[in-house]
Amino acid sequence: MLDVWSTLPLVVSDRRKLTPIEALGAGSNIIDALQHHDRVREITFWYLPGWLLPVERVAEMAHRPYPELTSLELRSNDGSEPVLPNYFLGGSAPRLRTLVLDSVSFPGLRKLLLTANNRI
């Protein structure tokens, strides 16, 4: 369905605390949206449990750069403290202006920030 509006930017956001059953349905929609890496402008998850997205699917999408991404906000409040892979977002986010990582580890953060060249 997202292919119908191929030129519109995408905002992928969920600020709800999901039960495991609710997360199964939400996870599928989230993955579908994130596969449009050239259109995603914002990614926001306030309650990002470690089990929300299957590791294989996250790794698959994480290799791709998100050239239009301007805002990334990931918060984990379940004590799992997920770790993003070094190659998350393809290691590049040239338009990134806002970054919030709360209880989420990202060893490749320094490299990612060096690619953010969007100046005000």
PDB file of N, CA and C in Angstrom:
ATOM      1  N   MET A   1       0.811  -1.191   0.000  1.00  0.00           N
ATOM      2  CA  MET A   1       0.000   0.000   0.000  1.00  0.00           C
ATOM      3  C   MET A   1       0.856   1.258   0.000  1.00  0.00           C
ATOM      4  N   LEU A   2       2.026   1.232   0.640  1.00  0.00           N
ATOM      5  CA  LEU A   2       2.881   2.409   0.692  1.00  0.00           C
ATOM      6  C   LEU A   2       3.399   2.804  -0.681  1.00  0.00           C
ATOM      7  N   ASP A   3       3.466   1.870  -1.610  1.00  0.00           N
ATOM      8  CA  ASP A   3       3.957   2.171  -2.953  1.00  0.00           C
ATOM      9  C   ASP A   3       3.026   3.104  -3.715  1.00  0.00           C
ATOM     10  N   VAL A   4       1.783   3.200  -3.316  1.00  0.00           N
ATOM     11  CA  VAL A   4       0.819   4.067  -3.992  1.00  0.00           C
ATOM     12  C   VAL A   4       1.249   5.530  -3.891  1.00  0.00           C
ATOM     13  N   TRP A   5       1.768   5.930  -2.739  1.00  0.00           N
ATOM     14  CA  TRP A   5       2.197   7.316  -2.525  1.00  0.00           C
ATOM     15  C   TRP A   5       3.715   7.374  -2.531  1.00  0.00           C
ATOM     16  N   SER A   6       4.333   7.035  -3.627  1.00  0.00           N
ATOM     17  CA  SER A   6       5.784   6.862  -3.668  1.00  0.00           C
ATOM     18  C   SER A   6       6.585   8.127  -3.390  1.00  0.00           C
ATOM     19  N   THR A   7       6.004   9.311  -3.532  1.00  0.00           N
ATOM     20  CA  THR A   7       6.789  10.520  -3.325  1.00  0.00           C
ATOM     21  C   THR A   7       6.616  11.135  -1.943  1.00  0.00           C
ATOM     22  N   LEU A   8       5.688  10.658  -1.150  1.00  0.00           N
ATOM     23  CA  LEU A   8       5.457  11.240   0.167  1.00  0.00           C
ATOM     24  C   LEU A   8       6.464  10.724   1.190  1.00  0.00           C
ATOM     25  N   PRO A   9       6.961  11.605   2.069  1.00  0.00           N
ATOM     26  CA  PRO A   9       7.862  11.153   3.134  1.00  0.00           C
ATOM     27  C   PRO A   9       7.091  10.353   4.187  1.00  0.00           C
ATOM     28  N   LEU A  10       7.797   9.503   4.908  1.00  0.00           N
ATOM     29  CA  LEU A  10       7.180   8.658   5.925  1.00  0.00           C
ATOM     30  C   LEU A  10       7.680   9.028   7.317  1.00  0.00           C
ATOM     31  N   VAL A  11       6.769   8.990   8.271  1.00  0.00           N
ATOM     32  CA  VAL A  11       7.095   9.126   9.682  1.00  0.00           C
ATOM     33  C   VAL A  11       6.666   7.821  10.333  1.00  0.00           C
ATOM     34  N   VAL A  12       7.626   7.100  10.904  1.00  0.00           N
ATOM     35  CA  VAL A  12       7.355   5.817  11.551  1.00  0.00           C
ATOM     36  C   VAL A  12       7.436   6.066  13.051  1.00  0.00           C
ATOM     37  N   SER A  13       6.283   5.978  13.712  1.00  0.00           N
ATOM     38  CA  SER A  13       6.226   6.374  15.106  1.00  0.00           C
ATOM     39  C   SER A  13       5.253   5.506  15.882  1.00  0.00           C
ATOM     40  N   ASP A  14       5.660   5.124  17.073  1.00  0.00           N
ATOM     41  CA  ASP A  14       4.766   4.436  17.996  1.00  0.00           C
ATOM     42  C   ASP A  14       5.162   4.830  19.406  1.00  0.00           C
ATOM     43  N   ARG A  15       4.262   5.498  20.081  1.00  0.00           N
ATOM     44  CA  ARG A  15       4.524   5.981  21.440  1.00  0.00           C
ATOM     45  C   ARG A  15       3.724   5.213  22.478  1.00  0.00           C
ATOM     46  N   ARG A  16       3.227   4.034  22.076  1.00  0.00           N
ATOM     47  CA  ARG A  16       2.412   3.226  22.985  1.00  0.00           C
ATOM     48  C   ARG A  16       3.251   2.125  23.616  1.00  0.00           C
ATOM     49  N   LYS A  17       2.860   1.718  24.794  1.00  0.00           N
ATOM     50  CA  LYS A  17       3.457   0.551  25.424  1.00  0.00           C
ATOM     51  C   LYS A  17       2.620  -0.648  25.006  1.00  0.00           C
ATOM     52  N   LEU A  18       3.183  -1.501  24.158  1.00  0.00           N
ATOM     53  CA  LEU A  18       2.434  -2.612  23.569  1.00  0.00           C
ATOM     54  C   LEU A  18       2.611  -3.897  24.359  1.00  0.00           C
ATOM     55  N   THR A  19       1.539  -4.682  24.400  1.00  0.00           N
ATOM     56  CA  THR A  19       1.650  -6.039  24.930  1.00  0.00           C
ATOM     57  C   THR A  19       2.302  -6.890  23.845  1.00  0.00           C
ATOM     58  N   PRO A  20       2.832  -8.062  24.181  1.00  0.00           N
ATOM     59  CA  PRO A  20       3.446  -8.917  23.149  1.00  0.00           C
ATOM     60  C   PRO A  20       2.506  -9.238  21.987  1.00  0.00           C
ATOM     61  N   ILE A  21       1.226  -9.443  22.247  1.00  0.00           N
ATOM     62  CA  ILE A  21       0.272  -9.757  21.172  1.00  0.00           C
ATOM     63  C   ILE A  21       0.067  -8.537  20.273  1.00  0.00           C
ATOM     64  N   GLU A  22      -0.074  -7.352  20.854  1.00  0.00           N
ATOM     65  CA  GLU A  22      -0.226  -6.131  20.060  1.00  0.00           C
ATOM     66  C   GLU A  22       1.023  -5.858  19.232  1.00  0.00           C
ATOM     67  N   ALA A  23       2.178  -6.147  19.795  1.00  0.00           N
ATOM     68  CA  ALA A  23       3.445  -5.872  19.117  1.00  0.00           C
ATOM     69  C   ALA A  23       3.627  -6.720  17.868  1.00  0.00           C
ATOM     70  N   LEU A  24       3.078  -7.926  17.854  1.00  0.00           N
ATOM     71  CA  LEU A  24       3.209  -8.772  16.663  1.00  0.00           C
ATOM     72  C   LEU A  24       2.616  -8.094  15.442  1.00  0.00           C
ATOM     73  N   GLY A  25       1.422  -7.539  15.567  1.00  0.00           N
ATOM     74  CA  GLY A  25       0.792  -6.828  14.452  1.00  0.00           C
ATOM     75  C   GLY A  25       1.507  -5.529  14.137  1.00  0.00           C
ATOM     76  N   ALA A  26       1.878  -4.774  15.150  1.00  0.00           N
ATOM     77  CA  ALA A  26       2.571  -3.504  14.947  1.00  0.00           C
ATOM     78  C   ALA A  26       3.938  -3.730  14.317  1.00  0.00           C
ATOM     79  N   GLY A  27       4.635  -4.774  14.739  1.00  0.00           N
ATOM     80  CA  GLY A  27       5.966  -5.059  14.209  1.00  0.00           C
ATOM     81  C   GLY A  27       5.964  -5.266  12.714  1.00  0.00           C
ATOM     82  N   SER A  28       4.949  -5.943  12.192  1.00  0.00           N
ATOM     83  CA  SER A  28       4.840  -6.179  10.761  1.00  0.00           C
ATOM     84  C   SER A  28       4.664  -4.873   9.999  1.00  0.00           C
ATOM     85  N   ASN A  29       3.783  -4.006  10.478  1.00  0.00           N
ATOM     86  CA  ASN A  29       3.568  -2.716   9.831  1.00  0.00           C
ATOM     87  C   ASN A  29       4.800  -1.828   9.909  1.00  0.00           C
ATOM     88  N   ILE A  30       5.479  -1.858  11.036  1.00  0.00           N
ATOM     89  CA  ILE A  30       6.688  -1.060  11.220  1.00  0.00           C
ATOM     90  C   ILE A  30       7.759  -1.504  10.232  1.00  0.00           C
ATOM     91  N   ILE A  31       7.967  -2.797  10.119  1.00  0.00           N
ATOM     92  CA  ILE A  31       8.975  -3.317   9.194  1.00  0.00           C
ATOM     93  C   ILE A  31       8.632  -2.948   7.762  1.00  0.00           C
ATOM     94  N   ASP A  32       7.358  -3.052   7.398  1.00  0.00           N
ATOM     95  CA  ASP A  32       6.936  -2.669   6.048  1.00  0.00           C
ATOM     96  C   ASP A  32       7.279  -1.207   5.765  1.00  0.00           C
ATOM     97  N   ALA A  33       7.003  -0.332   6.717  1.00  0.00           N
ATOM     98  CA  ALA A  33       7.289   1.092   6.520  1.00  0.00           C
ATOM     99  C   ALA A  33       8.787   1.355   6.457  1.00  0.00           C
ATOM    100  N   LEU A  34       9.557   0.710   7.322  1.00  0.00           N
ATOM    101  CA  LEU A  34      11.003   0.954   7.366  1.00  0.00           C
ATOM    102  C   LEU A  34      11.728   0.440   6.122  1.00  0.00           C
ATOM    103  N   GLN A  35      11.105  -0.435   5.373  1.00  0.00           N
ATOM    104  CA  GLN A  35      11.730  -0.931   4.148  1.00  0.00           C
ATOM    105  C   GLN A  35      11.806   0.154   3.076  1.00  0.00           C
ATOM    106  N   HIS A  36      11.057   1.223   3.237  1.00  0.00           N
ATOM    107  CA  HIS A  36      11.108   2.354   2.306  1.00  0.00           C
ATOM    108  C   HIS A  36      12.159   3.355   2.807  1.00  0.00           C
ATOM    109  N   HIS A  37      13.391   2.888   2.893  1.00  0.00           N
ATOM    110  CA  HIS A  37      14.476   3.645   3.513  1.00  0.00           C
ATOM    111  C   HIS A  37      14.735   4.999   2.850  1.00  0.00           C
ATOM    112  N   ASP A  38      14.391   5.148   1.598  1.00  0.00           N
ATOM    113  CA  ASP A  38      14.632   6.408   0.900  1.00  0.00           C
ATOM    114  C   ASP A  38      13.540   7.449   1.148  1.00  0.00           C
ATOM    115  N   ARG A  39      12.499   7.079   1.910  1.00  0.00           N
ATOM    116  CA  ARG A  39      11.384   7.992   2.186  1.00  0.00           C
ATOM    117  C   ARG A  39      11.172   8.284   3.664  1.00  0.00           C
ATOM    118  N   VAL A  40      11.822   7.546   4.545  1.00  0.00           N
ATOM    119  CA  VAL A  40      11.596   7.700   5.991  1.00  0.00           C
ATOM    120  C   VAL A  40      12.295   8.962   6.494  1.00  0.00           C
ATOM    121  N   ARG A  41      11.503   9.869   7.081  1.00  0.00           N
ATOM    122  CA  ARG A  41      12.051  11.122   7.627  1.00  0.00           C
ATOM    123  C   ARG A  41      12.236  11.062   9.138  1.00  0.00           C
ATOM    124  N   GLU A  42      11.326  10.357   9.820  1.00  0.00           N
ATOM    125  CA  GLU A  42      11.390  10.286  11.277  1.00  0.00           C
ATOM    126  C   GLU A  42      11.110   8.861  11.739  1.00  0.00           C
ATOM    127  N   ILE A  43      11.853   8.438  12.766  1.00  0.00           N
ATOM    128  CA  ILE A  43      11.618   7.153  13.422  1.00  0.00           C
ATOM    129  C   ILE A  43      11.541   7.446  14.920  1.00  0.00           C
ATOM    130  N   THR A  44      10.401   7.095  15.537  1.00  0.00           N
ATOM    131  CA  THR A  44      10.206   7.336  16.968  1.00  0.00           C
ATOM    132  C   THR A  44       9.550   6.124  17.606  1.00  0.00           C
ATOM    133  N   PHE A  45      10.220   5.576  18.620  1.00  0.00           N
ATOM    134  CA  PHE A  45       9.642   4.508  19.437  1.00  0.00           C
ATOM    135  C   PHE A  45       9.935   4.839  20.894  1.00  0.00           C
ATOM    136  N   TRP A  46       8.898   5.049  21.685  1.00  0.00           N
ATOM    137  CA  TRP A  46       9.065   5.382  23.085  1.00  0.00           C
ATOM    138  C   TRP A  46       9.183   4.150  23.972  1.00  0.00           C
ATOM    139  N   TYR A  47       8.559   3.078  23.601  1.00  0.00           N
ATOM    140  CA  TYR A  47       8.637   1.842  24.389  1.00  0.00           C
ATOM    141  C   TYR A  47       9.148   0.753  23.468  1.00  0.00           C
ATOM    142  N   LEU A  48      10.426   0.709  23.278  1.00  0.00           N
ATOM    143  CA  LEU A  48      11.027  -0.236  22.344  1.00  0.00           C
ATOM    144  C   LEU A  48      11.541  -1.449  23.109  1.00  0.00           C
ATOM    145  N   PRO A  49      10.689  -2.457  23.282  1.00  0.00           N
ATOM    146  CA  PRO A  49      11.169  -3.660  23.957  1.00  0.00           C
ATOM    147  C   PRO A  49      12.111  -4.430  23.040  1.00  0.00           C
ATOM    148  N   GLY A  50      13.040  -5.134  23.624  1.00  0.00           N
ATOM    149  CA  GLY A  50      14.006  -5.879  22.837  1.00  0.00           C
ATOM    150  C   GLY A  50      13.395  -6.913  21.915  1.00  0.00           C
ATOM    151  N   TRP A  51      12.191  -7.384  22.214  1.00  0.00           N
ATOM    152  CA  TRP A  51      11.573  -8.446  21.419  1.00  0.00           C
ATOM    153  C   TRP A  51      10.617  -7.912  20.354  1.00  0.00           C
ATOM    154  N   LEU A  52      10.451  -6.580  20.238  1.00  0.00           N
ATOM    155  CA  LEU A  52       9.441  -6.043  19.330  1.00  0.00           C
ATOM    156  C   LEU A  52       9.682  -6.409  17.867  1.00  0.00           C
ATOM    157  N   LEU A  53      10.898  -6.233  17.396  1.00  0.00           N
ATOM    158  CA  LEU A  53      11.208  -6.535  16.002  1.00  0.00           C
ATOM    159  C   LEU A  53      12.139  -7.732  15.939  1.00  0.00           C
ATOM    160  N   PRO A  54      11.853  -8.690  15.078  1.00  0.00           N
ATOM    161  CA  PRO A  54      12.743  -9.841  14.962  1.00  0.00           C
ATOM    162  C   PRO A  54      14.152  -9.399  14.561  1.00  0.00           C
ATOM    163  N   VAL A  55      15.151  -9.935  15.223  1.00  0.00           N
ATOM    164  CA  VAL A  55      16.533  -9.531  15.010  1.00  0.00           C
ATOM    165  C   VAL A  55      16.943  -9.659  13.547  1.00  0.00           C
ATOM    166  N   GLU A  56      16.516 -10.726  12.882  1.00  0.00           N
ATOM    167  CA  GLU A  56      16.909 -10.930  11.489  1.00  0.00           C
ATOM    168  C   GLU A  56      16.385  -9.806  10.601  1.00  0.00           C
ATOM    169  N   ARG A  57      15.149  -9.380  10.819  1.00  0.00           N
ATOM    170  CA  ARG A  57      14.541  -8.325   9.999  1.00  0.00           C
ATOM    171  C   ARG A  57      15.195  -6.976  10.275  1.00  0.00           C
ATOM    172  N   VAL A  58      15.519  -6.707  11.533  1.00  0.00           N
ATOM    173  CA  VAL A  58      16.184  -5.449  11.873  1.00  0.00           C
ATOM    174  C   VAL A  58      17.557  -5.407  11.217  1.00  0.00           C
ATOM    175  N   ALA A  59      18.294  -6.504  11.302  1.00  0.00           N
ATOM    176  CA  ALA A  59      19.612  -6.558  10.685  1.00  0.00           C
ATOM    177  C   ALA A  59      19.518  -6.362   9.179  1.00  0.00           C
ATOM    178  N   GLU A  60      18.493  -6.929   8.572  1.00  0.00           N
ATOM    179  CA  GLU A  60      18.281  -6.804   7.128  1.00  0.00           C
ATOM    180  C   GLU A  60      18.063  -5.343   6.737  1.00  0.00           C
ATOM    181  N   MET A  61      17.238  -4.628   7.474  1.00  0.00           N
ATOM    182  CA  MET A  61      16.959  -3.234   7.123  1.00  0.00           C
ATOM    183  C   MET A  61      18.057  -2.297   7.598  1.00  0.00           C
ATOM    184  N   ALA A  62      18.795  -2.684   8.619  1.00  0.00           N
ATOM    185  CA  ALA A  62      19.789  -1.787   9.203  1.00  0.00           C
ATOM    186  C   ALA A  62      20.976  -1.536   8.284  1.00  0.00           C
ATOM    187  N   HIS A  63      21.222  -2.402   7.335  1.00  0.00           N
ATOM    188  CA  HIS A  63      22.348  -2.215   6.428  1.00  0.00           C
ATOM    189  C   HIS A  63      22.134  -1.053   5.470  1.00  0.00           C
ATOM    190  N   ARG A  64      20.908  -0.637   5.280  1.00  0.00           N
ATOM    191  CA  ARG A  64      20.596   0.411   4.312  1.00  0.00           C
ATOM    192  C   ARG A  64      20.708   1.796   4.947  1.00  0.00           C
ATOM    193  N   PRO A  65      21.284   2.742   4.227  1.00  0.00           N
ATOM    194  CA  PRO A  65      21.255   4.122   4.729  1.00  0.00           C
ATOM    195  C   PRO A  65      19.853   4.716   4.573  1.00  0.00           C
ATOM    196  N   TYR A  66      19.531   5.643   5.421  1.00  0.00           N
ATOM    197  CA  TYR A  66      18.258   6.359   5.368  1.00  0.00           C
ATOM    198  C   TYR A  66      18.591   7.822   5.048  1.00  0.00           C
ATOM    199  N   PRO A  67      18.753   8.151   3.774  1.00  0.00           N
ATOM    200  CA  PRO A  67      19.255   9.473   3.387  1.00  0.00           C
ATOM    201  C   PRO A  67      18.352  10.641   3.751  1.00  0.00           C
ATOM    202  N   GLU A  68      17.070  10.404   3.968  1.00  0.00           N
ATOM    203  CA  GLU A  68      16.132  11.481   4.295  1.00  0.00           C
ATOM    204  C   GLU A  68      15.835  11.587   5.792  1.00  0.00           C
ATOM    205  N   LEU A  69      16.420  10.709   6.602  1.00  0.00           N
ATOM    206  CA  LEU A  69      16.117  10.678   8.038  1.00  0.00           C
ATOM    207  C   LEU A  69      16.622  11.948   8.727  1.00  0.00           C
ATOM    208  N   THR A  70      15.712  12.664   9.386  1.00  0.00           N
ATOM    209  CA  THR A  70      16.077  13.879  10.112  1.00  0.00           C
ATOM    210  C   THR A  70      15.949  13.716  11.624  1.00  0.00           C
ATOM    211  N   SER A  71      15.161  12.719  12.068  1.00  0.00           N
ATOM    212  CA  SER A  71      14.933  12.552  13.497  1.00  0.00           C
ATOM    213  C   SER A  71      14.867  11.070  13.860  1.00  0.00           C
ATOM    214  N   LEU A  72      15.640  10.682  14.864  1.00  0.00           N
ATOM    215  CA  LEU A  72      15.645   9.304  15.360  1.00  0.00           C
ATOM    216  C   LEU A  72      15.523   9.350  16.870  1.00  0.00           C
ATOM    217  N   GLU A  73      14.449   8.746  17.394  1.00  0.00           N
ATOM    218  CA  GLU A  73      14.220   8.708  18.836  1.00  0.00           C
ATOM    219  C   GLU A  73      13.840   7.291  19.228  1.00  0.00           C
ATOM    220  N   LEU A  74      14.718   6.645  19.984  1.00  0.00           N
ATOM    221  CA  LEU A  74      14.482   5.279  20.442  1.00  0.00           C
ATOM    222  C   LEU A  74      14.612   5.236  21.956  1.00  0.00           C
ATOM    223  N   ARG A  75      13.570   4.753  22.608  1.00  0.00           N
ATOM    224  CA  ARG A  75      13.568   4.632  24.068  1.00  0.00           C
ATOM    225  C   ARG A  75      13.167   3.210  24.444  1.00  0.00           C
ATOM    226  N   SER A  76      13.906   2.615  25.359  1.00  0.00           N
ATOM    227  CA  SER A  76      13.579   1.285  25.853  1.00  0.00           C
ATOM    228  C   SER A  76      13.280   1.398  27.334  1.00  0.00           C
ATOM    229  N   ASN A  77      12.099   1.000  27.714  1.00  0.00           N
ATOM    230  CA  ASN A  77      11.685   1.140  29.107  1.00  0.00           C
ATOM    231  C   ASN A  77      11.376  -0.189  29.781  1.00  0.00           C
ATOM    232  N   ASP A  78      11.806  -1.290  29.169  1.00  0.00           N
ATOM    233  CA  ASP A  78      11.497  -2.583  29.769  1.00  0.00           C
ATOM    234  C   ASP A  78      12.718  -3.232  30.421  1.00  0.00           C
ATOM    235  N   GLY A  79      13.821  -2.494  30.514  1.00  0.00           N
ATOM    236  CA  GLY A  79      15.026  -3.027  31.143  1.00  0.00           C
ATOM    237  C   GLY A  79      15.879  -3.881  30.230  1.00  0.00           C
ATOM    238  N   SER A  80      15.472  -4.066  28.976  1.00  0.00           N
ATOM    239  CA  SER A  80      16.229  -4.956  28.085  1.00  0.00           C
ATOM    240  C   SER A  80      17.452  -4.279  27.484  1.00  0.00           C
ATOM    241  N   GLU A  81      17.486  -2.960  27.411  1.00  0.00           N
ATOM    242  CA  GLU A  81      18.577  -2.186  26.840  1.00  0.00           C
ATOM    243  C   GLU A  81      19.094  -2.794  25.538  1.00  0.00           C
ATOM    244  N   PRO A  82      18.284  -2.731  24.474  1.00  0.00           N
ATOM    245  CA  PRO A  82      18.708  -3.297  23.191  1.00  0.00           C
ATOM    246  C   PRO A  82      19.968  -2.613  22.662  1.00  0.00           C
ATOM    247  N   VAL A  83      20.744  -3.357  21.892  1.00  0.00           N
ATOM    248  CA  VAL A  83      21.978  -2.848  21.297  1.00  0.00           C
ATOM    249  C   VAL A  83      21.794  -2.791  19.791  1.00  0.00           C
ATOM    250  N   LEU A  84      21.943  -1.614  19.227  1.00  0.00           N
ATOM    251  CA  LEU A  84      21.865  -1.450  17.784  1.00  0.00           C
ATOM    252  C   LEU A  84      23.187  -1.898  17.167  1.00  0.00           C
ATOM    253  N   PRO A  85      23.148  -2.561  16.017  1.00  0.00           N
ATOM    254  CA  PRO A  85      24.398  -2.989  15.389  1.00  0.00           C
ATOM    255  C   PRO A  85      25.201  -1.784  14.886  1.00  0.00           C
ATOM    256  N   ASN A  86      26.529  -1.934  14.802  1.00  0.00           N
ATOM    257  CA  ASN A  86      27.407  -0.859  14.322  1.00  0.00           C
ATOM    258  C   ASN A  86      26.967  -0.310  12.976  1.00  0.00           C
ATOM    259  N   TYR A  87      26.443  -1.168  12.138  1.00  0.00           N
ATOM    260  CA  TYR A  87      26.079  -0.788  10.775  1.00  0.00           C
ATOM    261  C   TYR A  87      24.640  -0.266  10.681  1.00  0.00           C
ATOM    262  N   PHE A  88      24.011   0.014  11.822  1.00  0.00           N
ATOM    263  CA  PHE A  88      22.634   0.515  11.825  1.00  0.00           C
ATOM    264  C   PHE A  88      22.526   1.752  10.944  1.00  0.00           C
ATOM    265  N   LEU A  89      21.483   1.828  10.135  1.00  0.00           N
ATOM    266  CA  LEU A  89      21.238   2.902   9.174  1.00  0.00           C
ATOM    267  C   LEU A  89      22.337   2.978   8.115  1.00  0.00           C
ATOM    268  N   GLY A  90      23.000   1.867   7.874  1.00  0.00           N
ATOM    269  CA  GLY A  90      24.074   1.851   6.895  1.00  0.00           C
ATOM    270  C   GLY A  90      25.256   2.690   7.336  1.00  0.00           C
ATOM    271  N   GLY A  91      25.291   3.077   8.611  1.00  0.00           N
ATOM    272  CA  GLY A  91      26.379   3.890   9.130  1.00  0.00           C
ATOM    273  C   GLY A  91      26.346   5.333   8.653  1.00  0.00           C
ATOM    274  N   SER A  92      25.239   5.749   8.052  1.00  0.00           N
ATOM    275  CA  SER A  92      25.181   7.094   7.485  1.00  0.00           C
ATOM    276  C   SER A  92      23.803   7.711   7.678  1.00  0.00           C
ATOM    277  N   ALA A  93      23.781   8.967   8.119  1.00  0.00           N
ATOM    278  CA  ALA A  93      22.533   9.722   8.247  1.00  0.00           C
ATOM    279  C   ALA A  93      22.837  11.193   7.973  1.00  0.00           C
ATOM    280  N   PRO A  94      23.021  11.557   6.710  1.00  0.00           N
ATOM    281  CA  PRO A  94      23.475  12.902   6.370  1.00  0.00           C
ATOM    282  C   PRO A  94      22.523  14.036   6.767  1.00  0.00           C
ATOM    283  N   ARG A  95      21.244  13.773   6.915  1.00  0.00           N
ATOM    284  CA  ARG A  95      20.285  14.831   7.264  1.00  0.00           C
ATOM    285  C   ARG A  95      19.842  14.795   8.722  1.00  0.00           C
ATOM    286  N   LEU A  96      20.431  13.916   9.519  1.00  0.00           N
ATOM    287  CA  LEU A  96      20.012  13.755  10.915  1.00  0.00           C
ATOM    288  C   LEU A  96      20.205  15.056  11.690  1.00  0.00           C
ATOM    289  N   ARG A  97      19.129  15.511  12.319  1.00  0.00           N
ATOM    290  CA  ARG A  97      19.165  16.742  13.112  1.00  0.00           C
ATOM    291  C   ARG A  97      18.821  16.480  14.573  1.00  0.00           C
ATOM    292  N   THR A  98      18.033  15.425  14.832  1.00  0.00           N
ATOM    293  CA  THR A  98      17.607  15.113  16.195  1.00  0.00           C
ATOM    294  C   THR A  98      17.890  13.651  16.474  1.00  0.00           C
ATOM    295  N   LEU A  99      18.538  13.381  17.612  1.00  0.00           N
ATOM    296  CA  LEU A  99      18.842  12.013  18.009  1.00  0.00           C
ATOM    297  C   LEU A  99      18.612  11.871  19.502  1.00  0.00           C
ATOM    298  N   VAL A 100      17.755  10.903  19.870  1.00  0.00           N
ATOM    299  CA  VAL A 100      17.502  10.583  21.271  1.00  0.00           C
ATOM    300  C   VAL A 100      17.612   9.070  21.402  1.00  0.00           C
ATOM    301  N   LEU A 101      18.542   8.613  22.242  1.00  0.00           N
ATOM    302  CA  LEU A 101      18.669   7.191  22.567  1.00  0.00           C
ATOM    303  C   LEU A 101      18.575   7.079  24.078  1.00  0.00           C
ATOM    304  N   ASP A 102      17.517   6.459  24.560  1.00  0.00           N
ATOM    305  CA  ASP A 102      17.292   6.319  25.997  1.00  0.00           C
ATOM    306  C   ASP A 102      17.279   4.832  26.329  1.00  0.00           C
ATOM    307  N   SER A 103      18.282   4.381  27.069  1.00  0.00           N
ATOM    308  CA  SER A 103      18.450   2.967  27.433  1.00  0.00           C
ATOM    309  C   SER A 103      18.591   2.087  26.198  1.00  0.00           C
ATOM    310  N   VAL A 104      19.217   2.624  25.158  1.00  0.00           N
ATOM    311  CA  VAL A 104      19.520   1.897  23.927  1.00  0.00           C
ATOM    312  C   VAL A 104      20.990   2.125  23.630  1.00  0.00           C
ATOM    313  N   SER A 105      21.750   1.048  23.476  1.00  0.00           N
ATOM    314  CA  SER A 105      23.174   1.155  23.175  1.00  0.00           C
ATOM    315  C   SER A 105      23.402   1.164  21.670  1.00  0.00           C
ATOM    316  N   PHE A 106      24.370   1.957  21.248  1.00  0.00           N
ATOM    317  CA  PHE A 106      24.712   2.031  19.832  1.00  0.00           C
ATOM    318  C   PHE A 106      26.212   2.264  19.704  1.00  0.00           C
ATOM    319  N   PRO A 107      27.005   1.180  19.616  1.00  0.00           N
ATOM    320  CA  PRO A 107      28.454   1.315  19.515  1.00  0.00           C
ATOM    321  C   PRO A 107      28.909   2.139  18.308  1.00  0.00           C
ATOM    322  N   GLY A 108      28.150   2.153  17.222  1.00  0.00           N
ATOM    323  CA  GLY A 108      28.535   2.883  16.016  1.00  0.00           C
ATOM    324  C   GLY A 108      28.068   4.331  15.994  1.00  0.00           C
ATOM    325  N   LEU A 109      27.660   4.861  17.141  1.00  0.00           N
ATOM    326  CA  LEU A 109      27.088   6.207  17.199  1.00  0.00           C
ATOM    327  C   LEU A 109      28.061   7.273  16.698  1.00  0.00           C
ATOM    328  N   ARG A 110      29.285   7.211  17.118  1.00  0.00           N
ATOM    329  CA  ARG A 110      30.271   8.231  16.717  1.00  0.00           C
ATOM    330  C   ARG A 110      30.387   8.317  15.199  1.00  0.00           C
ATOM    331  N   LYS A 111      30.497   7.167  14.560  1.00  0.00           N
ATOM    332  CA  LYS A 111      30.611   7.142  13.102  1.00  0.00           C
ATOM    333  C   LYS A 111      29.355   7.732  12.453  1.00  0.00           C
ATOM    334  N   LEU A 112      28.186   7.367  12.967  1.00  0.00           N
ATOM    335  CA  LEU A 112      26.936   7.885  12.418  1.00  0.00           C
ATOM    336  C   LEU A 112      26.877   9.401  12.545  1.00  0.00           C
ATOM    337  N   LEU A 113      27.246   9.935  13.702  1.00  0.00           N
ATOM    338  CA  LEU A 113      27.185  11.378  13.911  1.00  0.00           C
ATOM    339  C   LEU A 113      28.150  12.132  13.009  1.00  0.00           C
ATOM    340  N   LEU A 114      29.274  11.535  12.687  1.00  0.00           N
ATOM    341  CA  LEU A 114      30.228  12.174  11.781  1.00  0.00           C
ATOM    342  C   LEU A 114      29.668  12.327  10.368  1.00  0.00           C
ATOM    343  N   THR A 115      28.691  11.519  10.009  1.00  0.00           N
ATOM    344  CA  THR A 115      28.094  11.623   8.670  1.00  0.00           C
ATOM    345  C   THR A 115      26.967  12.646   8.612  1.00  0.00           C
ATOM    346  N   ALA A 116      26.492  13.090   9.783  1.00  0.00           N
ATOM    347  CA  ALA A 116      25.386  14.055   9.836  1.00  0.00           C
ATOM    348  C   ALA A 116      25.925  15.442   9.503  1.00  0.00           C
ATOM    349  N   ASN A 117      25.740  15.864   8.270  1.00  0.00           N
ATOM    350  CA  ASN A 117      26.291  17.144   7.844  1.00  0.00           C
ATOM    351  C   ASN A 117      25.227  18.197   7.609  1.00  0.00           C
ATOM    352  N   ASN A 118      24.023  17.974   8.093  1.00  0.00           N
ATOM    353  CA  ASN A 118      22.935  18.941   7.927  1.00  0.00           C
ATOM    354  C   ASN A 118      23.129  20.072   8.923  1.00  0.00           C
ATOM    355  N   ARG A 119      23.451  21.224   8.426  1.00  0.00           N
ATOM    356  CA  ARG A 119      23.686  22.378   9.278  1.00  0.00           C
ATOM    357  C   ARG A 119      22.442  23.276   9.291  1.00  0.00           C
ATOM    358  N   ILE A 120      22.245  23.957  10.394  1.00  0.00           N
ATOM    359  CA  ILE A 120      21.120  24.900  10.518  1.00  0.00           C
ATOM    360  C   ILE A 120      21.487  26.196   9.825  1.00  0.00           C
TER     361      ILE A 120
END
